[in-house]
């Protein structure tokens, strides 16, 4: 009697394993027979550019943060008058590209020469080009939060320069805030 109970139990377990295998094979075939959607975009070229006057760096420290998919991948101090960042993505195109360039008033400001005319110029832009498998290019629109400062101002005199630094631009200014979301 013991042998028949053990035999029946093993036979039931074996039958369940066979059924599970057949059911899972059937599901696997269904999954693998469905068409795989290929991404529309297979290449992306991103560029961020900021141009600042020499006098701007006398009063401000400038930093840039570049990221994809809402994660910062690179942070750097901007020391160049013409700063740019370029990257190319092939095969995998992230869902989001962003860049933030910020200028903060330096802790210790230089003495302002009342006879010198200071040139404060800021120019910022970003560009994203997407390419599909056929090589057709498209230009996605910037997200609503994006902005870029583009201005030029010449100031002479301690009062005017101080007012520009402390009141007009405050203690911090966002020079470039660029965000693209690919749908």
Protein backbone atom coordinates (compact mmCIF):
# COMPACT_ATOMS: atom_id res chain seq x y z
CA UNK A 1 0.00 0.00 0.00
CA UNK A 2 2.87 2.35 0.74
CA UNK A 3 4.28 1.85 -2.74
CA UNK A 4 0.98 2.70 -4.43
CA UNK A 5 0.58 5.94 -2.40
CA UNK A 6 4.13 6.99 -3.25
CA UNK A 7 3.64 5.97 -6.88
CA UNK A 8 0.37 7.96 -7.13
CA UNK A 9 1.98 11.02 -5.52
CA UNK A 10 4.98 10.91 -7.89
CA UNK A 11 2.69 10.36 -10.88
CA UNK A 12 0.58 13.39 -9.88
CA UNK A 13 3.71 15.59 -9.49
CA UNK A 14 5.05 14.40 -12.87
CA UNK A 15 1.71 15.16 -14.53
CA UNK A 16 1.68 18.67 -13.03
CA UNK A 17 5.23 19.34 -14.27
CA UNK A 18 4.29 18.22 -17.78
CA UNK A 19 1.23 20.45 -17.84
CA UNK A 20 3.24 23.41 -16.55
CA UNK A 21 5.85 22.85 -19.27
CA UNK A 22 3.27 22.63 -22.01
CA UNK A 23 1.43 25.73 -20.76
CA UNK A 24 4.63 27.77 -20.46
CA UNK A 25 5.83 26.68 -23.91
CA UNK A 26 2.52 27.77 -25.36
CA UNK A 27 2.86 31.19 -23.69
CA UNK A 28 6.49 31.53 -24.80
CA UNK A 29 5.53 30.89 -28.41
CA UNK A 30 2.83 33.53 -28.13
CA UNK A 31 5.26 36.07 -26.69
CA UNK A 32 8.00 35.39 -29.23
CA UNK A 33 5.60 35.46 -32.18
CA UNK A 34 4.53 39.04 -31.42
CA UNK A 35 6.33 41.68 -33.49
CA UNK A 36 9.04 43.62 -31.66
CA UNK A 37 8.66 47.37 -32.02
CA UNK A 38 11.90 49.02 -33.03
CA UNK A 39 12.57 52.53 -31.75
CA UNK A 40 11.68 55.35 -34.11
CA UNK A 41 14.88 57.25 -33.40
CA UNK A 42 18.20 55.47 -33.77
CA UNK A 43 20.53 58.46 -33.42
CA UNK A 44 20.57 61.74 -31.48
CA UNK A 45 22.99 64.66 -31.66
CA UNK A 46 22.83 67.13 -28.77
CA UNK A 47 24.70 70.42 -28.35
CA UNK A 48 24.66 73.14 -25.72
CA UNK A 49 26.49 76.43 -26.24
CA UNK A 50 27.13 79.37 -23.92
CA UNK A 51 29.15 82.49 -24.79
CA UNK A 52 30.05 84.95 -22.02
CA UNK A 53 32.05 88.16 -22.04
CA UNK A 54 35.39 88.37 -20.28
CA UNK A 55 34.00 90.85 -17.74
CA UNK A 56 31.26 88.42 -16.78
CA UNK A 57 33.86 86.07 -15.30
CA UNK A 58 35.24 88.87 -13.10
CA UNK A 59 32.04 88.83 -11.06
CA UNK A 60 30.51 85.38 -11.55
CA UNK A 61 31.42 81.71 -11.13
CA UNK A 62 29.71 79.61 -13.79
CA UNK A 63 28.86 75.90 -13.57
CA UNK A 64 27.15 73.49 -15.94
CA UNK A 65 25.26 70.25 -15.29
CA UNK A 66 24.47 67.94 -18.21
CA UNK A 67 22.18 64.94 -17.94
CA UNK A 68 20.01 62.32 -19.56
CA UNK A 69 16.84 60.63 -18.35
CA UNK A 70 16.64 63.11 -15.44
CA UNK A 71 20.05 62.07 -14.02
CA UNK A 72 23.10 64.31 -14.04
CA UNK A 73 25.95 62.60 -15.91
CA UNK A 74 28.47 65.45 -15.82
CA UNK A 75 29.04 68.59 -13.76
CA UNK A 76 31.75 71.06 -14.58
CA UNK A 77 33.02 74.54 -13.91
CA UNK A 78 32.78 76.77 -16.95
CA UNK A 79 36.02 78.72 -17.37
CA UNK A 80 35.86 79.44 -21.08
CA UNK A 81 34.26 82.43 -22.75
CA UNK A 82 32.78 80.11 -25.37
CA UNK A 83 31.69 76.88 -23.72
CA UNK A 84 30.03 74.06 -25.57
CA UNK A 85 29.06 70.46 -24.98
CA UNK A 86 28.33 68.03 -27.81
CA UNK A 87 27.36 64.36 -27.70
CA UNK A 88 26.11 61.76 -30.18
CA UNK A 89 23.94 58.78 -29.24
CA UNK A 90 23.68 55.88 -31.69
CA UNK A 91 21.37 52.90 -31.30
CA UNK A 92 20.00 53.90 -27.90
CA UNK A 93 18.36 57.33 -27.71
CA UNK A 94 17.54 58.53 -24.16
CA UNK A 95 14.03 59.74 -23.37
CA UNK A 96 15.25 63.03 -21.88
CA UNK A 97 18.21 65.37 -22.42
CA UNK A 98 18.86 68.37 -20.18
CA UNK A 99 21.46 70.99 -19.34
CA UNK A 100 21.57 73.71 -16.70
CA UNK A 101 24.20 76.45 -16.72
CA UNK A 102 24.17 78.71 -13.66
CA UNK A 103 26.16 81.84 -12.78
CA UNK A 104 26.61 82.77 -9.12
CA UNK A 105 28.06 86.03 -7.83
CA UNK A 106 31.58 85.44 -6.51
CA UNK A 107 32.09 85.59 -2.76
CA UNK A 108 34.84 88.20 -3.13
CA UNK A 109 34.26 90.70 -5.90
CA UNK A 110 37.09 92.65 -7.49
CA UNK A 111 37.29 96.39 -7.04
CA UNK A 112 35.19 98.12 -9.69
CA UNK A 113 37.06 100.68 -11.78
CA UNK A 114 34.77 103.70 -12.12
CA UNK A 115 36.43 104.75 -15.41
CA UNK A 116 36.19 101.34 -17.10
CA UNK A 117 33.26 100.32 -19.26
CA UNK A 118 32.27 96.74 -18.40
CA UNK A 119 30.77 94.52 -21.06
CA UNK A 120 28.23 91.95 -19.87
CA UNK A 121 27.14 89.72 -22.72
CA UNK A 122 25.43 86.37 -22.44
CA UNK A 123 24.35 84.11 -25.29
CA UNK A 124 23.03 80.58 -24.78
CA UNK A 125 21.38 77.98 -26.98
CA UNK A 126 20.74 74.28 -27.27
CA UNK A 127 20.00 71.99 -30.19
CA UNK A 128 18.84 68.38 -30.46
CA UNK A 129 18.63 66.52 -33.76
CA UNK A 130 16.99 63.10 -33.97
CA UNK A 131 17.46 60.63 -36.82
CA UNK A 132 15.32 57.63 -37.74
CA UNK A 133 16.49 54.44 -39.52
CA UNK A 134 16.04 56.08 -42.93
CA UNK A 135 18.32 58.96 -41.88
CA UNK A 136 15.52 61.53 -41.76
CA UNK A 137 16.23 64.28 -39.24
CA UNK A 138 13.68 65.85 -36.91
CA UNK A 139 14.03 68.68 -34.40
CA UNK A 140 12.04 68.15 -31.19
CA UNK A 141 10.71 71.14 -29.30
CA UNK A 142 12.13 72.25 -25.97
CA UNK A 143 10.10 71.42 -22.87
CA UNK A 144 8.13 74.25 -21.26
CA UNK A 145 10.65 74.73 -18.44
CA UNK A 146 13.46 75.55 -20.89
CA UNK A 147 14.91 79.03 -21.17
CA UNK A 148 18.05 80.75 -22.36
CA UNK A 149 19.39 84.19 -21.49
CA UNK A 150 20.62 86.24 -24.43
CA UNK A 151 21.57 89.81 -23.67
CA UNK A 152 24.29 92.39 -24.02
CA UNK A 153 24.90 95.36 -21.77
CA UNK A 154 27.70 97.90 -21.35
CA UNK A 155 27.98 99.61 -17.98
CA UNK A 156 30.32 102.24 -16.62
CA UNK A 157 30.58 103.40 -13.03
CA UNK A 158 30.64 101.68 -9.67
CA UNK A 159 26.95 102.27 -8.94
CA UNK A 160 25.71 100.93 -12.29
CA UNK A 161 27.92 97.83 -12.23
CA UNK A 162 27.06 97.06 -8.59
CA UNK A 163 23.35 97.49 -9.28
CA UNK A 164 23.57 95.17 -12.29
CA UNK A 165 25.35 92.48 -10.30
CA UNK A 166 23.32 92.64 -7.08
CA UNK A 167 19.88 93.76 -8.24
CA UNK A 168 19.40 92.92 -11.88
CA UNK A 169 20.95 89.45 -11.96
CA UNK A 170 20.53 88.88 -8.21
CA UNK A 171 22.99 86.49 -6.60
CA UNK A 172 22.36 83.73 -9.13
CA UNK A 173 21.19 83.60 -12.71
CA UNK A 174 20.25 80.62 -14.84
CA UNK A 175 21.98 81.22 -18.15
CA UNK A 176 20.67 78.08 -19.83
CA UNK A 177 18.00 75.62 -18.78
CA UNK A 178 17.41 73.21 -21.61
CA UNK A 179 15.24 70.11 -21.51
CA UNK A 180 14.03 67.86 -24.31
CA UNK A 181 11.67 64.94 -23.73
CA UNK A 182 11.42 62.43 -26.59
CA UNK A 183 8.01 60.86 -27.00
